[in-house]
């Protein structure tokens, strides 16, 4: 073998060694990037799963609160309706049937309020409780004096209206939270 051929062989080995080293370095870098990507994906998936669990818990709590408010609202409306029927604006003595309906409606409202207490916003529950106190005093009254019928009905209406306002006020922060949650859901 002459020097020229030896020189070409050594150059080929050198170039091979140079490119092989670059190739192995690139492979090692790709492998490191894949491992980093795998670790980052694991972190993202963990955060996503944690967020989904928290979202599920929040949704279940919201649904329970919503159902409780719905039940209490329905019974409060029924109680108010029976109160209005019990003491109409046209002066007259309530019949035993009207009184029985009012008392039944008031008791159903009271039971719904107690059953919903653990699930309801405290401010909303308190507004309904105050409305219940407005209604409960009329269970044993035979007749409202003619001059106070209108005022008593207005007081009951305002009590029910306050309940509605408190429910609306308590749902506004939740609506804002739900809007923000939609912004921060990049994984869907």
N, C-alpha and C. Protein backbone atom coordinates (compact mmCIF):
# COMPACT_ATOMS: atom_id res chain seq x y z
N UNK A 1 0.83 -1.15 0.00
CA UNK A 1 0.00 0.00 0.00
C UNK A 1 0.89 1.24 0.00
N UNK A 2 0.47 2.14 -0.76
CA UNK A 2 1.31 3.33 -0.81
C UNK A 2 0.77 4.37 0.16
N UNK A 3 1.49 5.40 0.30
CA UNK A 3 1.16 6.45 1.27
C UNK A 3 -0.16 7.16 0.91
N UNK A 4 -0.33 7.25 -0.41
CA UNK A 4 -1.53 7.92 -0.89
C UNK A 4 -2.77 7.15 -0.47
N UNK A 5 -2.77 5.87 -0.65
CA UNK A 5 -3.92 5.05 -0.28
C UNK A 5 -4.11 5.06 1.24
N UNK A 6 -3.02 5.02 1.96
CA UNK A 6 -3.10 5.07 3.41
C UNK A 6 -3.70 6.40 3.87
N UNK A 7 -3.30 7.45 3.22
CA UNK A 7 -3.82 8.77 3.54
C UNK A 7 -5.33 8.84 3.26
N UNK A 8 -5.79 8.28 2.17
CA UNK A 8 -7.22 8.28 1.82
C UNK A 8 -7.99 7.44 2.85
N UNK A 9 -7.44 6.31 3.23
CA UNK A 9 -8.11 5.44 4.21
C UNK A 9 -8.19 6.16 5.56
N UNK A 10 -7.14 6.80 5.98
CA UNK A 10 -7.15 7.52 7.25
C UNK A 10 -8.12 8.71 7.19
N UNK A 11 -8.18 9.38 6.06
CA UNK A 11 -9.12 10.50 5.90
C UNK A 11 -10.56 9.97 5.96
N UNK A 12 -10.81 8.83 5.32
CA UNK A 12 -12.14 8.24 5.33
C UNK A 12 -12.51 7.84 6.76
N UNK A 13 -11.58 7.26 7.48
CA UNK A 13 -11.83 6.87 8.86
C UNK A 13 -12.07 8.12 9.72
N UNK A 14 -11.30 9.15 9.52
CA UNK A 14 -11.45 10.40 10.27
C UNK A 14 -12.81 11.05 10.01
N UNK A 15 -13.16 11.12 8.70
CA UNK A 15 -14.47 11.70 8.35
C UNK A 15 -15.60 10.84 8.92
N UNK A 16 -15.45 9.53 8.82
CA UNK A 16 -16.47 8.63 9.37
C UNK A 16 -16.59 8.85 10.87
N UNK A 17 -15.44 8.93 11.52
CA UNK A 17 -15.44 9.15 12.96
C UNK A 17 -16.10 10.48 13.31
N UNK A 18 -15.81 11.54 12.56
CA UNK A 18 -16.39 12.87 12.78
C UNK A 18 -17.92 12.84 12.62
N UNK A 19 -18.39 12.26 11.49
CA UNK A 19 -19.83 12.22 11.24
C UNK A 19 -20.54 11.24 12.18
N UNK A 20 -19.86 10.14 12.51
CA UNK A 20 -20.45 9.18 13.43
C UNK A 20 -20.64 9.80 14.82
N UNK A 21 -19.63 10.57 15.25
CA UNK A 21 -19.72 11.26 16.53
C UNK A 21 -20.87 12.28 16.53
N UNK A 22 -21.01 13.03 15.45
CA UNK A 22 -22.11 13.99 15.31
C UNK A 22 -23.45 13.24 15.31
N UNK A 23 -23.51 12.14 14.59
CA UNK A 23 -24.73 11.35 14.50
C UNK A 23 -25.12 10.81 15.87
N UNK A 24 -24.16 10.25 16.59
CA UNK A 24 -24.42 9.70 17.93
C UNK A 24 -24.81 10.83 18.88
N UNK A 25 -24.18 12.00 18.76
CA UNK A 25 -24.54 13.15 19.60
C UNK A 25 -25.98 13.61 19.33
N UNK A 26 -26.36 13.65 18.05
CA UNK A 26 -27.72 14.05 17.70
C UNK A 26 -28.73 13.03 18.23
N UNK A 27 -28.39 11.75 18.12
CA UNK A 27 -29.27 10.70 18.64
C UNK A 27 -29.43 10.84 20.16
N UNK A 28 -28.33 11.10 20.85
CA UNK A 28 -28.38 11.26 22.30
C UNK A 28 -29.21 12.48 22.67
N UNK A 29 -29.07 13.57 21.90
CA UNK A 29 -29.86 14.77 22.16
C UNK A 29 -31.35 14.51 21.92
N UNK A 30 -31.67 13.81 20.86
CA UNK A 30 -33.07 13.45 20.59
C UNK A 30 -33.64 12.59 21.70
N UNK A 31 -32.84 11.64 22.18
CA UNK A 31 -33.28 10.78 23.27
C UNK A 31 -33.53 11.60 24.54
N UNK A 32 -32.64 12.55 24.83
CA UNK A 32 -32.80 13.40 26.00
C UNK A 32 -34.06 14.27 25.85
N UNK A 33 -34.29 14.78 24.64
CA UNK A 33 -35.49 15.59 24.41
C UNK A 33 -36.76 14.75 24.58
N UNK A 34 -36.71 13.50 24.09
CA UNK A 34 -37.86 12.62 24.25
C UNK A 34 -38.14 12.35 25.72
N UNK A 35 -37.07 12.12 26.49
CA UNK A 35 -37.24 11.88 27.92
C UNK A 35 -37.78 13.13 28.62
N UNK A 36 -37.27 14.31 28.24
CA UNK A 36 -37.78 15.56 28.80
C UNK A 36 -39.25 15.75 28.43
N UNK A 37 -39.57 15.47 27.18
CA UNK A 37 -40.94 15.61 26.71
C UNK A 37 -41.86 14.64 27.45
N UNK A 38 -41.37 13.43 27.67
CA UNK A 38 -42.15 12.43 28.41
C UNK A 38 -42.39 12.91 29.84
N UNK A 39 -41.37 13.48 30.49
CA UNK A 39 -41.52 13.99 31.85
C UNK A 39 -42.50 15.16 31.88
N UNK A 40 -42.37 16.08 30.93
CA UNK A 40 -43.28 17.22 30.86
C UNK A 40 -44.72 16.77 30.58
N UNK A 41 -44.87 15.80 29.71
CA UNK A 41 -46.20 15.27 29.41
C UNK A 41 -46.81 14.65 30.66
N UNK A 42 -46.00 13.95 31.43
CA UNK A 42 -46.48 13.37 32.69
C UNK A 42 -46.95 14.44 33.66
N UNK A 43 -46.19 15.53 33.76
CA UNK A 43 -46.58 16.64 34.64
C UNK A 43 -47.89 17.27 34.16
N UNK A 44 -47.98 17.53 32.86
CA UNK A 44 -49.19 18.14 32.29
C UNK A 44 -50.39 17.23 32.51
N UNK A 45 -50.23 15.96 32.27
CA UNK A 45 -51.34 15.02 32.46
C UNK A 45 -51.75 14.94 33.93
N UNK A 46 -50.78 15.02 34.84
CA UNK A 46 -51.09 15.03 36.27
C UNK A 46 -51.89 16.26 36.66
N UNK A 47 -51.48 17.41 36.15
CA UNK A 47 -52.20 18.65 36.43
C UNK A 47 -53.60 18.58 35.82
N UNK A 48 -53.70 18.06 34.63
CA UNK A 48 -55.00 17.93 33.95
C UNK A 48 -55.93 17.02 34.75
N UNK A 49 -55.41 15.88 35.19
CA UNK A 49 -56.24 14.95 35.97
C UNK A 49 -56.68 15.60 37.29
N UNK A 50 -55.78 16.32 37.93
CA UNK A 50 -56.11 17.01 39.17
C UNK A 50 -57.17 18.08 38.92
N UNK A 51 -57.03 18.82 37.83
CA UNK A 51 -58.01 19.84 37.47
C UNK A 51 -59.37 19.21 37.18
N UNK A 52 -59.38 18.10 36.47
CA UNK A 52 -60.65 17.43 36.14
C UNK A 52 -61.34 16.91 37.40
N UNK A 53 -60.56 16.39 38.37
CA UNK A 53 -61.14 15.94 39.63
C UNK A 53 -61.75 17.12 40.39
N UNK A 54 -60.99 18.22 40.46
CA UNK A 54 -61.50 19.41 41.15
C UNK A 54 -62.74 19.95 40.45
N UNK A 55 -62.73 19.93 39.13
CA UNK A 55 -63.87 20.41 38.36
C UNK A 55 -65.09 19.52 38.61
N UNK A 56 -64.88 18.22 38.68
CA UNK A 56 -65.97 17.29 38.94
C UNK A 56 -66.56 17.52 40.33
N UNK A 57 -65.70 17.69 41.32
CA UNK A 57 -66.17 17.94 42.69
C UNK A 57 -66.96 19.25 42.71
N UNK A 58 -66.44 20.28 42.05
CA UNK A 58 -67.12 21.57 42.00
C UNK A 58 -68.48 21.43 41.32
N UNK A 59 -68.54 20.69 40.24
CA UNK A 59 -69.79 20.50 39.51
C UNK A 59 -70.82 19.76 40.37
N UNK A 60 -70.38 18.72 41.09
CA UNK A 60 -71.29 17.96 41.95
C UNK A 60 -71.80 18.86 43.08
N UNK A 61 -70.91 19.66 43.66
CA UNK A 61 -71.34 20.58 44.71
C UNK A 61 -72.33 21.60 44.16
N UNK A 62 -72.04 22.13 42.98
CA UNK A 62 -72.94 23.11 42.38
C UNK A 62 -74.31 22.49 42.10
N UNK A 63 -74.32 21.29 41.56
CA UNK A 63 -75.60 20.63 41.26
C UNK A 63 -76.41 20.37 42.53
N UNK A 64 -75.72 19.97 43.61
CA UNK A 64 -76.42 19.74 44.88
C UNK A 64 -76.99 21.05 45.42
N UNK A 65 -76.20 22.12 45.34
CA UNK A 65 -76.67 23.42 45.81
C UNK A 65 -77.83 23.90 44.94
N UNK A 66 -77.71 23.71 43.64
CA UNK A 66 -78.76 24.14 42.72
C UNK A 66 -80.07 23.40 43.01
N UNK A 67 -79.97 22.07 43.18
CA UNK A 67 -81.16 21.28 43.48
C UNK A 67 -81.80 21.72 44.80
N UNK A 68 -80.97 21.95 45.81
CA UNK A 68 -81.49 22.39 47.11
C UNK A 68 -82.19 23.74 46.98
N UNK A 69 -81.56 24.66 46.28
CA UNK A 69 -82.18 25.98 46.09
C UNK A 69 -83.48 25.87 45.29
N UNK A 70 -83.46 25.02 44.30
CA UNK A 70 -84.66 24.82 43.48
C UNK A 70 -85.82 24.29 44.34
N UNK A 71 -85.52 23.29 45.16
CA UNK A 71 -86.56 22.71 46.02
C UNK A 71 -87.08 23.72 47.03
N UNK A 72 -86.16 24.43 47.66
CA UNK A 72 -86.58 25.41 48.67
C UNK A 72 -87.35 26.55 48.01
N UNK A 73 -86.90 27.00 46.84
CA UNK A 73 -87.60 28.07 46.13
C UNK A 73 -89.04 27.65 45.77
N UNK A 74 -89.18 26.43 45.28
CA UNK A 74 -90.51 25.94 44.92
C UNK A 74 -91.44 25.93 46.14
N UNK A 75 -90.93 25.43 47.26
CA UNK A 75 -91.75 25.36 48.47
C UNK A 75 -92.03 26.75 49.04
N UNK A 76 -91.06 27.66 48.92
CA UNK A 76 -91.29 29.03 49.38
C UNK A 76 -92.37 29.70 48.54
N UNK A 77 -92.31 29.48 47.23
CA UNK A 77 -93.36 30.03 46.35
C UNK A 77 -94.72 29.45 46.70
N UNK A 78 -94.79 28.15 46.92
CA UNK A 78 -96.06 27.51 47.30
C UNK A 78 -96.59 28.10 48.61
N UNK A 79 -95.69 28.30 49.57
CA UNK A 79 -96.09 28.88 50.85
C UNK A 79 -96.63 30.30 50.65
N UNK A 80 -95.92 31.08 49.85
CA UNK A 80 -96.37 32.45 49.60
C UNK A 80 -97.72 32.45 48.89
N UNK A 81 -97.87 31.57 47.94
CA UNK A 81 -99.13 31.47 47.21
C UNK A 81 -100.29 31.12 48.15
N UNK A 82 -100.07 30.17 49.04
CA UNK A 82 -101.12 29.79 49.99
C UNK A 82 -101.38 30.90 51.00
N UNK A 83 -100.34 31.65 51.35
CA UNK A 83 -100.52 32.80 52.25
C UNK A 83 -101.43 33.84 51.60
N UNK A 84 -101.17 34.12 50.32
CA UNK A 84 -102.00 35.09 49.59
C UNK A 84 -103.44 34.59 49.50
N UNK A 85 -103.59 33.30 49.28
CA UNK A 85 -104.96 32.74 49.22
C UNK A 85 -105.63 32.76 50.60
N UNK A 86 -104.82 32.58 51.63
CA UNK A 86 -105.36 32.55 52.98
C UNK A 86 -105.88 33.92 53.40
N UNK A 87 -105.16 34.95 53.02
CA UNK A 87 -105.53 36.31 53.38
C UNK A 87 -105.69 37.16 52.12
N UNK A 88 -106.78 37.02 51.41
CA UNK A 88 -106.99 37.80 50.19
C UNK A 88 -107.20 39.28 50.52
N UNK A 89 -107.01 40.13 49.52
CA UNK A 89 -107.21 41.56 49.72
C UNK A 89 -108.65 41.88 50.06
N UNK A 90 -109.56 41.14 49.47
CA UNK A 90 -110.97 41.31 49.84
C UNK A 90 -111.14 40.67 51.20
N UNK A 91 -111.59 41.43 52.13
CA UNK A 91 -111.65 40.98 53.51
C UNK A 91 -112.59 39.78 53.66
N UNK A 92 -112.10 38.78 54.34
CA UNK A 92 -112.91 37.60 54.60
C UNK A 92 -112.16 36.68 55.53
N UNK A 93 -112.89 35.86 56.25
CA UNK A 93 -112.26 34.93 57.18
C UNK A 93 -111.81 33.70 56.41
N UNK A 94 -110.55 33.24 56.66
CA UNK A 94 -110.04 32.05 55.97
C UNK A 94 -110.84 30.81 56.37
N UNK A 95 -111.01 29.92 55.39
CA UNK A 95 -111.71 28.67 55.67
C UNK A 95 -110.71 27.68 56.26
N UNK A 96 -111.22 26.65 56.96
CA UNK A 96 -110.31 25.62 57.50
C UNK A 96 -109.50 24.94 56.38
N UNK A 97 -110.08 24.78 55.20
CA UNK A 97 -109.36 24.17 54.09
C UNK A 97 -108.20 25.06 53.64
N UNK A 98 -108.44 26.36 53.55
CA UNK A 98 -107.37 27.30 53.17
C UNK A 98 -106.27 27.28 54.23
N UNK A 99 -106.67 27.29 55.49
CA UNK A 99 -105.68 27.27 56.57
C UNK A 99 -104.86 25.98 56.51
N UNK A 100 -105.52 24.85 56.27
CA UNK A 100 -104.82 23.57 56.16
C UNK A 100 -103.83 23.56 55.01
N UNK A 101 -104.21 24.12 53.88
CA UNK A 101 -103.29 24.19 52.73
C UNK A 101 -102.09 25.07 53.06
N UNK A 102 -102.34 26.19 53.73
CA UNK A 102 -101.24 27.08 54.10
C UNK A 102 -100.29 26.39 55.07
N UNK A 103 -100.85 25.75 56.08
CA UNK A 103 -100.01 25.07 57.07
C UNK A 103 -99.22 23.94 56.41
N UNK A 104 -99.83 23.19 55.51
CA UNK A 104 -99.12 22.12 54.79
C UNK A 104 -97.99 22.69 53.94
N UNK A 105 -98.28 23.78 53.24
CA UNK A 105 -97.25 24.41 52.40
C UNK A 105 -96.12 24.95 53.26
N UNK A 106 -96.46 25.56 54.39
CA UNK A 106 -95.42 26.11 55.27
C UNK A 106 -94.56 25.00 55.85
N UNK A 107 -95.16 23.88 56.23
CA UNK A 107 -94.39 22.76 56.76
C UNK A 107 -93.49 22.14 55.69
N UNK A 108 -93.99 22.01 54.47
CA UNK A 108 -93.17 21.48 53.37
C UNK A 108 -92.00 22.42 53.11
N UNK A 109 -92.24 23.72 53.17
CA UNK A 109 -91.17 24.70 52.99
C UNK A 109 -90.14 24.57 54.10
N UNK A 110 -90.60 24.46 55.33
CA UNK A 110 -89.70 24.33 56.48
C UNK A 110 -88.83 23.07 56.36
N UNK A 111 -89.45 21.96 55.94
CA UNK A 111 -88.69 20.71 55.77
C UNK A 111 -87.68 20.82 54.64
N UNK A 112 -88.07 21.44 53.53
CA UNK A 112 -87.15 21.62 52.40
C UNK A 112 -85.99 22.52 52.80
N UNK A 113 -86.29 23.55 53.60
CA UNK A 113 -85.24 24.48 54.05
C UNK A 113 -84.23 23.76 54.93
N UNK A 114 -84.71 22.95 55.86
CA UNK A 114 -83.79 22.19 56.72
C UNK A 114 -83.01 21.15 55.94
N UNK A 115 -83.66 20.48 55.00
CA UNK A 115 -82.98 19.46 54.20
C UNK A 115 -81.92 20.09 53.30
N UNK A 116 -82.15 21.30 52.84
CA UNK A 116 -81.22 21.96 51.93
C UNK A 116 -80.11 22.72 52.62
N UNK A 117 -80.20 22.89 53.93
CA UNK A 117 -79.22 23.72 54.66
C UNK A 117 -77.76 23.34 54.40
N UNK A 118 -77.38 22.06 54.43
CA UNK A 118 -75.97 21.73 54.21
C UNK A 118 -75.46 22.06 52.80
N UNK A 119 -76.38 22.22 51.87
CA UNK A 119 -75.98 22.38 50.48
C UNK A 119 -76.08 23.82 49.98
N UNK A 120 -76.71 24.68 50.76
CA UNK A 120 -76.99 26.04 50.30
C UNK A 120 -75.96 27.03 50.81
N UNK A 121 -75.78 28.08 50.03
CA UNK A 121 -74.97 29.22 50.43
C UNK A 121 -75.60 29.78 51.71
N UNK A 122 -74.79 30.13 52.67
CA UNK A 122 -75.29 30.57 53.98
C UNK A 122 -76.16 31.82 53.86
N UNK A 123 -75.79 32.76 53.01
CA UNK A 123 -76.57 33.99 52.85
C UNK A 123 -77.94 33.70 52.25
N UNK A 124 -77.97 32.80 51.26
CA UNK A 124 -79.23 32.42 50.63
C UNK A 124 -80.11 31.70 51.65
N UNK A 125 -79.51 30.78 52.40
CA UNK A 125 -80.28 30.04 53.40
C UNK A 125 -80.87 31.00 54.43
N UNK A 126 -80.07 31.98 54.85
CA UNK A 126 -80.54 32.94 55.85
C UNK A 126 -81.72 33.75 55.32
N UNK A 127 -81.69 34.13 54.04
CA UNK A 127 -82.81 34.88 53.45
C UNK A 127 -84.08 34.02 53.47
N UNK A 128 -83.95 32.74 53.12
CA UNK A 128 -85.10 31.85 53.16
C UNK A 128 -85.58 31.62 54.61
N UNK A 129 -84.64 31.56 55.53
CA UNK A 129 -85.00 31.37 56.94
C UNK A 129 -85.80 32.57 57.44
N UNK A 130 -85.38 33.77 57.05
CA UNK A 130 -86.11 34.97 57.43
C UNK A 130 -87.50 34.98 56.79
N UNK A 131 -87.59 34.49 55.56
CA UNK A 131 -88.91 34.39 54.92
C UNK A 131 -89.78 33.39 55.68
N UNK A 132 -89.17 32.29 56.11
CA UNK A 132 -89.92 31.30 56.90
C UNK A 132 -90.45 31.93 58.18
N UNK A 133 -89.63 32.75 58.83
CA UNK A 133 -90.08 33.43 60.05
C UNK A 133 -91.24 34.39 59.76
N UNK A 134 -91.25 35.00 58.60
CA UNK A 134 -92.38 35.85 58.21
C UNK A 134 -93.66 35.03 58.06
N UNK A 135 -93.52 33.83 57.52
CA UNK A 135 -94.68 33.00 57.23
C UNK A 135 -95.19 32.24 58.46
N UNK A 136 -94.28 31.82 59.31
CA UNK A 136 -94.66 30.93 60.42
C UNK A 136 -95.59 31.61 61.41
N UNK A 137 -95.47 32.93 61.53
CA UNK A 137 -96.32 33.63 62.50
C UNK A 137 -97.79 33.59 62.11
N UNK A 138 -98.08 33.31 60.84
CA UNK A 138 -99.47 33.33 60.37
C UNK A 138 -100.17 31.98 60.50
N UNK A 139 -99.45 30.98 60.98
CA UNK A 139 -100.07 29.65 61.11
C UNK A 139 -101.24 29.66 62.09
N UNK A 140 -101.13 30.43 63.14
CA UNK A 140 -102.14 30.39 64.20
C UNK A 140 -103.05 31.61 64.20
N UNK A 141 -102.89 32.49 63.24
CA UNK A 141 -103.71 33.70 63.20
C UNK A 141 -105.00 33.40 62.45
N UNK A 142 -106.11 33.71 63.07
CA UNK A 142 -107.41 33.47 62.44
C UNK A 142 -107.69 34.49 61.34
N UNK A 143 -107.36 35.75 61.63
CA UNK A 143 -107.66 36.80 60.68
C UNK A 143 -106.66 37.93 60.84
N UNK A 144 -106.25 38.50 59.72
CA UNK A 144 -105.41 39.69 59.76
C UNK A 144 -106.36 40.88 59.81
N UNK A 145 -106.11 41.85 60.67
CA UNK A 145 -106.94 43.05 60.64
C UNK A 145 -106.94 43.65 59.23
N UNK A 146 -108.08 44.12 58.80
CA UNK A 146 -108.28 44.58 57.43
C UNK A 146 -107.21 45.60 57.02
N UNK A 147 -106.85 46.51 57.90
CA UNK A 147 -105.89 47.56 57.56
C UNK A 147 -104.47 47.03 57.39
N UNK A 148 -104.13 45.87 57.91
CA UNK A 148 -102.76 45.36 57.78
C UNK A 148 -102.64 44.21 56.77
N UNK A 149 -103.71 43.84 56.09
CA UNK A 149 -103.65 42.76 55.10
C UNK A 149 -102.68 43.11 53.99
N UNK A 150 -102.83 44.29 53.45
CA UNK A 150 -101.98 44.72 52.33
C UNK A 150 -100.51 44.78 52.76
N UNK A 151 -100.25 45.32 53.94
CA UNK A 151 -98.87 45.42 54.44
C UNK A 151 -98.27 44.04 54.69
N UNK A 152 -99.06 43.13 55.23
CA UNK A 152 -98.57 41.77 55.50
C UNK A 152 -98.23 41.05 54.21
N UNK A 153 -99.08 41.22 53.22
CA UNK A 153 -98.80 40.58 51.92
C UNK A 153 -97.57 41.20 51.27
N UNK A 154 -97.42 42.51 51.39
CA UNK A 154 -96.25 43.19 50.81
C UNK A 154 -94.97 42.73 51.52
N UNK A 155 -95.03 42.60 52.83
CA UNK A 155 -93.87 42.13 53.60
C UNK A 155 -93.48 40.72 53.16
N UNK A 156 -94.46 39.85 52.95
CA UNK A 156 -94.19 38.49 52.49
C UNK A 156 -93.60 38.50 51.09
N UNK A 157 -94.14 39.35 50.21
CA UNK A 157 -93.63 39.44 48.84
C UNK A 157 -92.18 39.93 48.84
N UNK A 158 -91.89 40.94 49.66
CA UNK A 158 -90.53 41.46 49.74
C UNK A 158 -89.57 40.42 50.32
N UNK A 159 -90.04 39.62 51.28
CA UNK A 159 -89.20 38.55 51.83
C UNK A 159 -88.84 37.52 50.77
N UNK A 160 -89.82 37.16 49.95
CA UNK A 160 -89.57 36.21 48.87
C UNK A 160 -88.66 36.82 47.81
N UNK A 161 -88.86 38.11 47.54
CA UNK A 161 -88.02 38.81 46.56
C UNK A 161 -86.56 38.85 47.05
N UNK A 162 -86.36 39.04 48.34
CA UNK A 162 -85.00 39.06 48.89
C UNK A 162 -84.33 37.69 48.70
N UNK A 163 -85.11 36.63 48.86
CA UNK A 163 -84.57 35.28 48.62
C UNK A 163 -84.07 35.17 47.18
N UNK A 164 -84.87 35.65 46.24
CA UNK A 164 -84.48 35.59 44.82
C UNK A 164 -83.23 36.42 44.57
N UNK A 165 -83.14 37.59 45.17
CA UNK A 165 -81.97 38.45 44.99
C UNK A 165 -80.72 37.80 45.55
N UNK A 166 -80.84 37.16 46.70
CA UNK A 166 -79.68 36.49 47.31
C UNK A 166 -79.22 35.31 46.44
N UNK A 167 -80.17 34.59 45.86
CA UNK A 167 -79.79 33.48 44.98
C UNK A 167 -79.06 34.01 43.75
N UNK A 168 -79.55 35.10 43.17
CA UNK A 168 -78.88 35.69 42.01
C UNK A 168 -77.50 36.19 42.39
N UNK A 169 -77.39 36.85 43.52
CA UNK A 169 -76.10 37.39 43.96
C UNK A 169 -75.09 36.28 44.23
N UNK A 170 -75.55 35.17 44.78
CA UNK A 170 -74.62 34.07 45.07
C UNK A 170 -74.19 33.34 43.81
N UNK A 171 -74.98 33.43 42.73
CA UNK A 171 -74.61 32.73 41.50
C UNK A 171 -73.67 33.55 40.63
N UNK A 172 -73.56 34.86 40.85
CA UNK A 172 -72.68 35.70 40.03
C UNK A 172 -71.21 35.34 40.18
N UNK A 173 -70.67 35.15 41.40
CA UNK A 173 -69.26 34.74 41.49
C UNK A 173 -69.01 33.40 40.81
N UNK A 174 -69.98 32.49 40.89
CA UNK A 174 -69.82 31.17 40.27
C UNK A 174 -69.77 31.31 38.76
N UNK A 175 -70.61 32.19 38.21
CA UNK A 175 -70.63 32.39 36.76
C UNK A 175 -69.30 32.96 36.31
N UNK A 176 -68.74 33.89 37.09
CA UNK A 176 -67.44 34.47 36.75
C UNK A 176 -66.36 33.39 36.82
N UNK A 177 -66.44 32.54 37.84
CA UNK A 177 -65.48 31.44 37.99
C UNK A 177 -65.59 30.49 36.81
N UNK A 178 -66.81 30.18 36.37
CA UNK A 178 -67.00 29.28 35.23
C UNK A 178 -66.43 29.90 33.96
N UNK A 179 -66.57 31.21 33.78
CA UNK A 179 -66.00 31.87 32.60
C UNK A 179 -64.49 31.77 32.63
N UNK A 180 -63.88 32.00 33.80
CA UNK A 180 -62.44 31.90 33.91
C UNK A 180 -61.97 30.48 33.66
N UNK A 181 -62.73 29.50 34.14
CA UNK A 181 -62.35 28.11 33.97
C UNK A 181 -62.32 27.75 32.49
N UNK A 182 -63.24 28.28 31.71
CA UNK A 182 -63.27 28.01 30.28
C UNK A 182 -62.01 28.56 29.61
N UNK A 183 -61.52 29.70 30.10
CA UNK A 183 -60.31 30.28 29.53
C UNK A 183 -59.12 29.38 29.79
N UNK A 184 -59.06 28.75 30.95
CA UNK A 184 -57.90 27.96 31.34
C UNK A 184 -58.04 26.49 31.06
N UNK A 185 -58.80 26.10 30.04
CA UNK A 185 -58.93 24.69 29.69
C UNK A 185 -58.28 24.43 28.32
N UNK A 186 -56.95 24.44 28.25
CA UNK A 186 -56.31 24.24 26.96
C UNK A 186 -56.26 22.78 26.52
N UNK A 187 -56.64 21.84 27.37
CA UNK A 187 -56.46 20.42 27.08
C UNK A 187 -57.67 19.79 26.41
N UNK A 188 -58.74 20.53 26.23
CA UNK A 188 -59.94 19.90 25.67
C UNK A 188 -59.96 19.99 24.16
